[in-house]
Amino acid sequence: MEHWSPGDKQEIRFTYTNSEFSIWQINTKLKYFLSNSVNISAYYGYVDSKVGLNGGVDVDSISRITDDINSILYEPLRAPVVHPFQKLETTQHNFVLRTLAKPFDDSKLDLSFYYRYGLMNISNRPAFSRGNIEN
């Protein structure tokens, strides 16, 4: 085994509503030397991320509450955001299988197979809600 990295989770929490960022990444690579003329390598990568898409501070709703916009605008815990529940969730699986061979003198063979699965989901509902709620 040449390279392996355990699951790496990173989180960034901001103070504005729905501005969180979280990601899991796993990458692993395996190489096998079948002989001096044939090498096989395999790679797998996984990504699972969640991002809050708040759309920024909703200045229009602040102006309806008070004439002094700055009194709320720069207070992250009080400032309303455009999309308080909208999130982007991404999942990826990447597979690579590669064979390097030298079947004859002065010849080289490089054969690679790739597979990639990707899913992106944008949701706009509270995490605690159940049932059909549309925003």
Protein backbone atom coordinates (compact mmCIF):
# COMPACT_ATOMS: atom_id res chain seq x y z
CA MET A 1 0.00 0.00 0.00
CA GLU A 2 1.56 3.25 -1.07
CA HIS A 3 -0.78 5.95 0.21
CA TRP A 4 -3.74 5.97 2.57
CA SER A 5 -5.40 8.83 4.33
CA PRO A 6 -8.06 8.15 6.92
CA GLY A 7 -11.38 9.94 6.79
CA ASP A 8 -10.72 13.62 7.19
CA LYS A 9 -13.58 15.75 8.45
CA GLN A 10 -13.37 19.50 8.36
CA GLU A 11 -15.98 21.87 9.67
CA ILE A 12 -16.21 25.61 9.55
CA ARG A 13 -18.91 27.26 11.61
CA PHE A 14 -19.78 30.87 11.05
CA THR A 15 -22.03 33.01 13.15
CA TYR A 16 -24.53 34.04 10.47
CA THR A 17 -27.55 31.78 10.11
CA ASN A 18 -27.06 28.91 7.66
CA SER A 19 -23.42 29.60 6.77
CA GLU A 20 -21.93 26.29 7.92
CA PHE A 21 -19.50 24.20 5.86
CA SER A 22 -18.70 20.54 6.52
CA ILE A 23 -16.75 18.03 4.40
CA TRP A 24 -15.57 14.42 4.66
CA GLN A 25 -12.79 13.33 2.30
CA ILE A 26 -11.27 9.88 1.94
CA ASN A 27 -8.54 9.05 -0.60
CA THR A 28 -6.77 5.74 -0.91
CA LYS A 29 -4.36 4.27 -3.46
CA LEU A 30 -3.07 0.73 -3.85
CA LYS A 31 -0.23 -0.37 -6.14
CA TYR A 32 0.70 -3.94 -6.95
CA PHE A 33 3.78 -4.92 -8.94
CA LEU A 34 2.81 -8.16 -10.63
CA SER A 35 6.23 -8.41 -12.27
CA ASN A 36 8.97 -6.11 -13.57
CA SER A 37 6.91 -5.51 -16.69
CA VAL A 38 3.33 -5.31 -15.27
CA ASN A 39 2.09 -2.84 -12.64
CA ILE A 40 -1.49 -2.48 -11.41
CA SER A 41 -2.79 0.47 -9.39
CA ALA A 42 -6.21 1.28 -7.98
CA TYR A 43 -7.51 4.53 -6.54
CA TYR A 44 -10.68 5.40 -4.62
CA GLY A 45 -11.80 8.86 -3.55
CA TYR A 46 -14.88 9.85 -1.57
CA VAL A 47 -16.25 13.33 -0.84
CA ASP A 48 -19.33 14.22 1.21
CA SER A 49 -19.91 17.93 1.75
CA LYS A 50 -22.65 20.12 3.14
CA VAL A 51 -22.74 23.88 2.60
CA GLY A 52 -25.25 26.40 3.91
CA LEU A 53 -26.47 28.69 1.12
CA ASN A 54 -27.89 31.60 3.09
CA GLY A 55 -27.81 34.08 0.18
CA GLY A 56 -26.40 36.87 2.34
CA VAL A 57 -27.99 39.25 4.78
CA ASP A 58 -31.56 40.28 3.90
CA VAL A 59 -31.21 44.06 4.00
CA ASP A 60 -34.81 44.63 2.86
CA SER A 61 -36.24 42.90 5.92
CA ILE A 62 -33.90 44.89 8.20
CA SER A 63 -35.11 48.16 6.63
CA ARG A 64 -38.71 47.13 7.48
CA ILE A 65 -37.74 46.69 11.16
CA THR A 66 -35.54 49.75 11.74
CA ASP A 67 -34.26 52.87 10.01
CA ASP A 68 -30.71 52.20 11.26
CA ILE A 69 -29.70 49.24 9.06
CA ASN A 70 -26.18 49.09 10.55
CA SER A 71 -27.56 48.33 14.01
CA ILE A 72 -28.51 44.80 12.84
CA LEU A 73 -26.50 44.30 9.64
CA TYR A 74 -23.18 43.63 11.37
CA GLU A 75 -24.58 41.52 14.21
CA PRO A 76 -24.44 37.97 12.85
CA LEU A 77 -26.73 36.46 15.49
CA ARG A 78 -29.51 38.98 14.83
CA ALA A 79 -29.15 39.67 11.09
CA PRO A 80 -31.76 37.88 8.96
CA VAL A 81 -30.54 36.02 5.88
CA VAL A 82 -32.23 35.56 2.51
CA HIS A 83 -32.35 31.74 2.68
CA PRO A 84 -32.27 30.50 6.30
CA PHE A 85 -32.65 26.80 5.37
CA GLN A 86 -31.17 26.34 1.88
CA LYS A 87 -28.32 23.79 1.76
CA LEU A 88 -26.16 22.17 -0.91
CA GLU A 89 -25.20 18.55 -0.28
CA THR A 90 -22.63 16.89 -2.55
CA THR A 91 -21.53 13.25 -2.68
CA GLN A 92 -18.81 11.90 -5.00
CA HIS A 93 -17.26 8.48 -5.52
CA ASN A 94 -14.23 8.24 -7.83
CA PHE A 95 -12.70 4.92 -8.90
CA VAL A 96 -9.63 4.41 -11.10
CA LEU A 97 -8.04 1.12 -12.13
CA ARG A 98 -4.83 1.41 -14.12
CA THR A 99 -2.47 -1.15 -15.65
CA LEU A 100 1.00 -0.28 -16.91
CA ALA A 101 2.72 -3.00 -18.88
CA LYS A 102 5.68 -3.58 -21.15
CA PRO A 103 4.58 -6.59 -23.21
CA PHE A 104 7.50 -6.41 -25.67
CA ASP A 105 10.81 -4.60 -25.90
CA ASP A 106 10.38 -0.97 -26.99
CA SER A 107 6.62 -1.04 -26.31
CA LYS A 108 4.46 0.33 -23.51
CA LEU A 109 0.84 -0.26 -22.62
CA ASP A 110 -1.19 2.06 -20.38
CA LEU A 111 -4.77 0.90 -19.78
CA SER A 112 -7.03 2.93 -17.47
CA PHE A 113 -10.64 2.55 -16.37
CA TYR A 114 -12.47 5.42 -14.69
CA TYR A 115 -15.80 5.62 -12.90
CA ARG A 116 -17.24 8.70 -11.26
CA TYR A 117 -20.49 9.05 -9.40
CA GLY A 118 -21.67 12.50 -8.37
CA LEU A 119 -24.83 13.66 -6.66
CA MET A 120 -25.71 17.27 -5.86
CA ASN A 121 -28.84 18.09 -3.89
CA ILE A 122 -30.15 21.54 -3.04
CA SER A 123 -32.76 21.54 -0.31
CA ASN A 124 -34.71 24.40 1.15
CA ARG A 125 -36.37 22.99 4.25
CA PRO A 126 -35.54 22.91 7.94
CA ALA A 127 -33.50 19.90 9.04
CA PHE A 128 -36.03 19.07 11.75
CA SER A 129 -39.10 19.11 9.45
CA ARG A 130 -41.01 16.02 8.44
CA GLY A 131 -43.49 15.65 5.64
CA ASN A 132 -44.05 17.81 2.60
CA ILE A 133 -43.04 21.38 3.28
CA GLU A 134 -42.28 23.61 0.33
CA ASN A 135 -40.51 26.95 0.69
